[in-house]
Amino acid sequence: MRFNSAAATVEQFKPIPFVPRYQVSDKANVRNARTVRILKSRAIPAGHRQVLLYRDDAAPTYQYVHRLAALVHIGPPPR
């Protein structure tokens, strides 16, 4: 039996709770839910990736991609 590598690489996108116009995948890609385009990210000197997210009620903010992916796919961090 052959392994289907295409099926193993499918990303699952889920909405980000505090900015529902964006979605984050289990492979840490962030996309616009309406246009389905992947957002460009920037690297900070520590090596982490950030994306600029726009909210309706606030100024745009940079968010860490790894924290967004963990929040959506694992759950909120413990207090």
N, C-alpha and C. Protein backbone atom coordinates (compact mmCIF):
# COMPACT_ATOMS: atom_id res chain seq x y z
N MET A 1 0.85 -1.18 0.00
CA MET A 1 0.00 0.00 0.00
C MET A 1 0.90 1.24 0.00
N ARG A 2 0.52 2.22 -0.78
CA ARG A 2 1.31 3.45 -0.89
C ARG A 2 0.80 4.50 0.08
N PHE A 3 1.73 5.30 0.55
CA PHE A 3 1.39 6.41 1.43
C PHE A 3 1.03 7.62 0.59
N ASN A 4 -0.11 8.21 0.85
CA ASN A 4 -0.56 9.38 0.10
C ASN A 4 -0.06 10.63 0.82
N SER A 5 1.04 11.19 0.35
CA SER A 5 1.63 12.35 1.02
C SER A 5 0.79 13.60 0.86
N ALA A 6 -0.02 13.68 -0.20
CA ALA A 6 -0.87 14.85 -0.41
C ALA A 6 -1.92 14.97 0.69
N ALA A 7 -2.45 13.86 1.14
CA ALA A 7 -3.46 13.89 2.20
C ALA A 7 -2.85 14.28 3.54
N ALA A 8 -1.58 13.99 3.75
CA ALA A 8 -0.92 14.30 5.01
C ALA A 8 -0.56 15.77 5.14
N THR A 9 -0.56 16.52 4.04
CA THR A 9 -0.13 17.90 4.08
C THR A 9 -1.30 18.90 4.07
N VAL A 10 -2.52 18.44 4.20
CA VAL A 10 -3.68 19.34 4.18
C VAL A 10 -3.70 20.15 5.48
N GLU A 11 -3.80 21.45 5.32
CA GLU A 11 -3.85 22.33 6.48
C GLU A 11 -5.30 22.50 6.94
N GLN A 12 -5.49 22.60 8.24
CA GLN A 12 -6.81 22.88 8.78
C GLN A 12 -6.79 24.28 9.38
N PHE A 13 -7.61 25.16 8.82
CA PHE A 13 -7.70 26.53 9.29
C PHE A 13 -8.88 26.67 10.23
N LYS A 14 -8.67 27.44 11.31
CA LYS A 14 -9.72 27.75 12.26
C LYS A 14 -9.68 29.25 12.53
N PRO A 15 -10.84 29.88 12.81
CA PRO A 15 -10.86 31.33 13.06
C PRO A 15 -10.16 31.70 14.36
N ILE A 16 -9.55 32.87 14.36
CA ILE A 16 -8.91 33.42 15.56
C ILE A 16 -10.00 34.10 16.37
N PRO A 17 -10.18 33.75 17.65
CA PRO A 17 -11.33 34.24 18.42
C PRO A 17 -11.47 35.77 18.50
N PHE A 18 -10.40 36.49 18.71
CA PHE A 18 -10.51 37.93 18.91
C PHE A 18 -10.45 38.73 17.61
N VAL A 19 -10.15 38.08 16.49
CA VAL A 19 -10.21 38.70 15.16
C VAL A 19 -10.75 37.67 14.17
N PRO A 20 -12.07 37.50 14.12
CA PRO A 20 -12.65 36.42 13.30
C PRO A 20 -12.47 36.60 11.80
N ARG A 21 -12.00 37.75 11.35
CA ARG A 21 -11.76 37.91 9.92
C ARG A 21 -10.50 37.19 9.48
N TYR A 22 -9.72 36.66 10.42
CA TYR A 22 -8.51 35.91 10.11
C TYR A 22 -8.62 34.49 10.62
N GLN A 23 -7.89 33.58 9.98
CA GLN A 23 -7.83 32.18 10.38
C GLN A 23 -6.37 31.77 10.48
N VAL A 24 -6.11 30.80 11.36
CA VAL A 24 -4.75 30.28 11.50
C VAL A 24 -4.81 28.76 11.31
N SER A 25 -3.77 28.22 10.66
CA SER A 25 -3.75 26.79 10.38
C SER A 25 -2.93 26.05 11.42
N ASP A 26 -3.03 24.73 11.37
CA ASP A 26 -2.23 23.89 12.26
C ASP A 26 -0.76 23.89 11.84
N LYS A 27 -0.45 24.42 10.68
CA LYS A 27 0.93 24.58 10.22
C LYS A 27 1.42 26.02 10.37
N ALA A 28 0.70 26.81 11.17
CA ALA A 28 1.06 28.18 11.54
C ALA A 28 1.06 29.15 10.37
N ASN A 29 0.11 29.01 9.46
CA ASN A 29 -0.11 30.01 8.42
C ASN A 29 -1.36 30.80 8.79
N VAL A 30 -1.31 32.09 8.61
CA VAL A 30 -2.44 32.96 8.92
C VAL A 30 -2.99 33.49 7.60
N ARG A 31 -4.32 33.43 7.47
CA ARG A 31 -4.93 33.90 6.23
C ARG A 31 -6.15 34.75 6.52
N ASN A 32 -6.51 35.57 5.54
CA ASN A 32 -7.72 36.37 5.58
C ASN A 32 -8.87 35.42 5.24
N ALA A 33 -9.90 35.39 6.08
CA ALA A 33 -11.01 34.45 5.89
C ALA A 33 -11.83 34.79 4.65
N ARG A 34 -11.92 36.07 4.31
CA ARG A 34 -12.74 36.48 3.17
C ARG A 34 -12.03 36.24 1.84
N THR A 35 -10.77 36.66 1.74
CA THR A 35 -10.04 36.53 0.48
C THR A 35 -9.27 35.21 0.37
N VAL A 36 -9.08 34.51 1.48
CA VAL A 36 -8.37 33.23 1.55
C VAL A 36 -6.90 33.38 1.13
N ARG A 37 -6.34 34.55 1.34
CA ARG A 37 -4.92 34.79 1.04
C ARG A 37 -4.10 34.66 2.31
N ILE A 38 -2.96 34.00 2.18
CA ILE A 38 -2.03 33.85 3.30
C ILE A 38 -1.35 35.19 3.55
N LEU A 39 -1.29 35.60 4.82
CA LEU A 39 -0.64 36.86 5.18
C LEU A 39 0.87 36.68 5.21
N LYS A 40 1.57 37.74 4.86
CA LYS A 40 3.02 37.75 4.98
C LYS A 40 3.37 37.96 6.44
N SER A 41 4.43 37.31 6.87
CA SER A 41 4.88 37.47 8.25
C SER A 41 6.27 38.09 8.25
N ARG A 42 6.64 38.62 9.39
CA ARG A 42 8.00 39.16 9.54
C ARG A 42 8.69 38.42 10.66
N ALA A 43 9.99 38.31 10.56
CA ALA A 43 10.78 37.65 11.59
C ALA A 43 11.38 38.72 12.50
N ILE A 44 11.29 38.47 13.80
CA ILE A 44 11.94 39.36 14.75
C ILE A 44 13.32 38.77 15.06
N PRO A 45 14.21 39.54 15.68
CA PRO A 45 15.57 39.04 15.92
C PRO A 45 15.63 37.72 16.72
N ALA A 46 14.65 37.45 17.55
CA ALA A 46 14.66 36.20 18.32
C ALA A 46 14.30 34.99 17.46
N GLY A 47 13.82 35.24 16.22
CA GLY A 47 13.51 34.16 15.32
C GLY A 47 12.03 33.85 15.19
N HIS A 48 11.20 34.46 16.01
CA HIS A 48 9.76 34.21 15.94
C HIS A 48 9.15 35.00 14.78
N ARG A 49 8.02 34.51 14.28
CA ARG A 49 7.31 35.17 13.19
C ARG A 49 6.14 35.96 13.75
N GLN A 50 5.87 37.12 13.13
CA GLN A 50 4.74 37.96 13.52
C GLN A 50 3.93 38.33 12.29
N VAL A 51 2.62 38.52 12.49
CA VAL A 51 1.75 39.02 11.44
C VAL A 51 1.01 40.24 11.96
N LEU A 52 0.66 41.13 11.06
CA LEU A 52 -0.08 42.34 11.41
C LEU A 52 -1.56 42.06 11.21
N LEU A 53 -2.34 42.15 12.30
CA LEU A 53 -3.77 41.89 12.26
C LEU A 53 -4.53 43.18 12.52
N TYR A 54 -5.58 43.39 11.74
CA TYR A 54 -6.42 44.57 11.87
C TYR A 54 -7.74 44.19 12.53
N ARG A 55 -8.09 44.93 13.60
CA ARG A 55 -9.38 44.73 14.26
C ARG A 55 -10.28 45.91 13.93
N ASP A 56 -11.58 45.68 13.97
CA ASP A 56 -12.53 46.76 13.66
C ASP A 56 -12.52 47.87 14.70
N ASP A 57 -12.32 47.50 15.97
CA ASP A 57 -12.46 48.46 17.06
C ASP A 57 -11.14 48.97 17.62
N ALA A 58 -10.02 48.58 17.05
CA ALA A 58 -8.72 48.97 17.62
C ALA A 58 -7.69 49.16 16.51
N ALA A 59 -6.57 49.68 16.92
CA ALA A 59 -5.46 49.87 15.99
C ALA A 59 -4.87 48.51 15.60
N PRO A 60 -4.22 48.41 14.45
CA PRO A 60 -3.60 47.14 14.07
C PRO A 60 -2.48 46.76 15.03
N THR A 61 -2.33 45.47 15.26
CA THR A 61 -1.30 44.99 16.17
C THR A 61 -0.57 43.81 15.57
N TYR A 62 0.71 43.69 15.92
CA TYR A 62 1.49 42.52 15.53
C TYR A 62 1.23 41.42 16.54
N GLN A 63 1.01 40.21 16.05
CA GLN A 63 0.77 39.05 16.90
C GLN A 63 1.76 37.95 16.51
N TYR A 64 2.23 37.20 17.51
CA TYR A 64 3.12 36.08 17.24
C TYR A 64 2.33 34.94 16.61
N VAL A 65 2.84 34.40 15.52
CA VAL A 65 2.14 33.35 14.79
C VAL A 65 2.06 32.07 15.63
N HIS A 66 3.12 31.71 16.33
CA HIS A 66 3.10 30.48 17.11
C HIS A 66 2.10 30.56 18.26
N ARG A 67 1.91 31.74 18.83
CA ARG A 67 0.92 31.89 19.91
C ARG A 67 -0.50 31.82 19.36
N LEU A 68 -0.73 32.37 18.17
CA LEU A 68 -2.05 32.28 17.55
C LEU A 68 -2.40 30.83 17.25
N ALA A 69 -1.45 30.08 16.68
CA ALA A 69 -1.69 28.68 16.34
C ALA A 69 -1.97 27.86 17.60
N ALA A 70 -1.22 28.11 18.66
CA ALA A 70 -1.44 27.38 19.91
C ALA A 70 -2.79 27.74 20.53
N LEU A 71 -3.14 29.01 20.52
CA LEU A 71 -4.41 29.46 21.09
C LEU A 71 -5.58 28.78 20.39
N VAL A 72 -5.54 28.74 19.08
CA VAL A 72 -6.67 28.19 18.30
C VAL A 72 -6.71 26.67 18.32
N HIS A 73 -5.57 26.02 18.18
CA HIS A 73 -5.57 24.58 18.02
C HIS A 73 -5.36 23.80 19.31
N ILE A 74 -4.80 24.43 20.35
CA ILE A 74 -4.57 23.74 21.63
C ILE A 74 -5.50 24.29 22.71
N GLY A 75 -5.60 25.62 22.77
CA GLY A 75 -6.43 26.26 23.78
C GLY A 75 -5.68 27.38 24.45
N PRO A 76 -6.36 28.16 25.30
CA PRO A 76 -5.67 29.27 25.97
C PRO A 76 -4.61 28.78 26.93
N PRO A 77 -3.56 29.58 27.12
CA PRO A 77 -2.51 29.19 28.05
C PRO A 77 -3.02 29.23 29.49
N PRO A 78 -2.46 28.40 30.36
CA PRO A 78 -2.89 28.43 31.76
C PRO A 78 -2.48 29.73 32.44
N ARG A 79 -3.23 30.14 33.38
CA ARG A 79 -2.93 31.39 34.10
C ARG A 79 -2.00 31.16 35.24
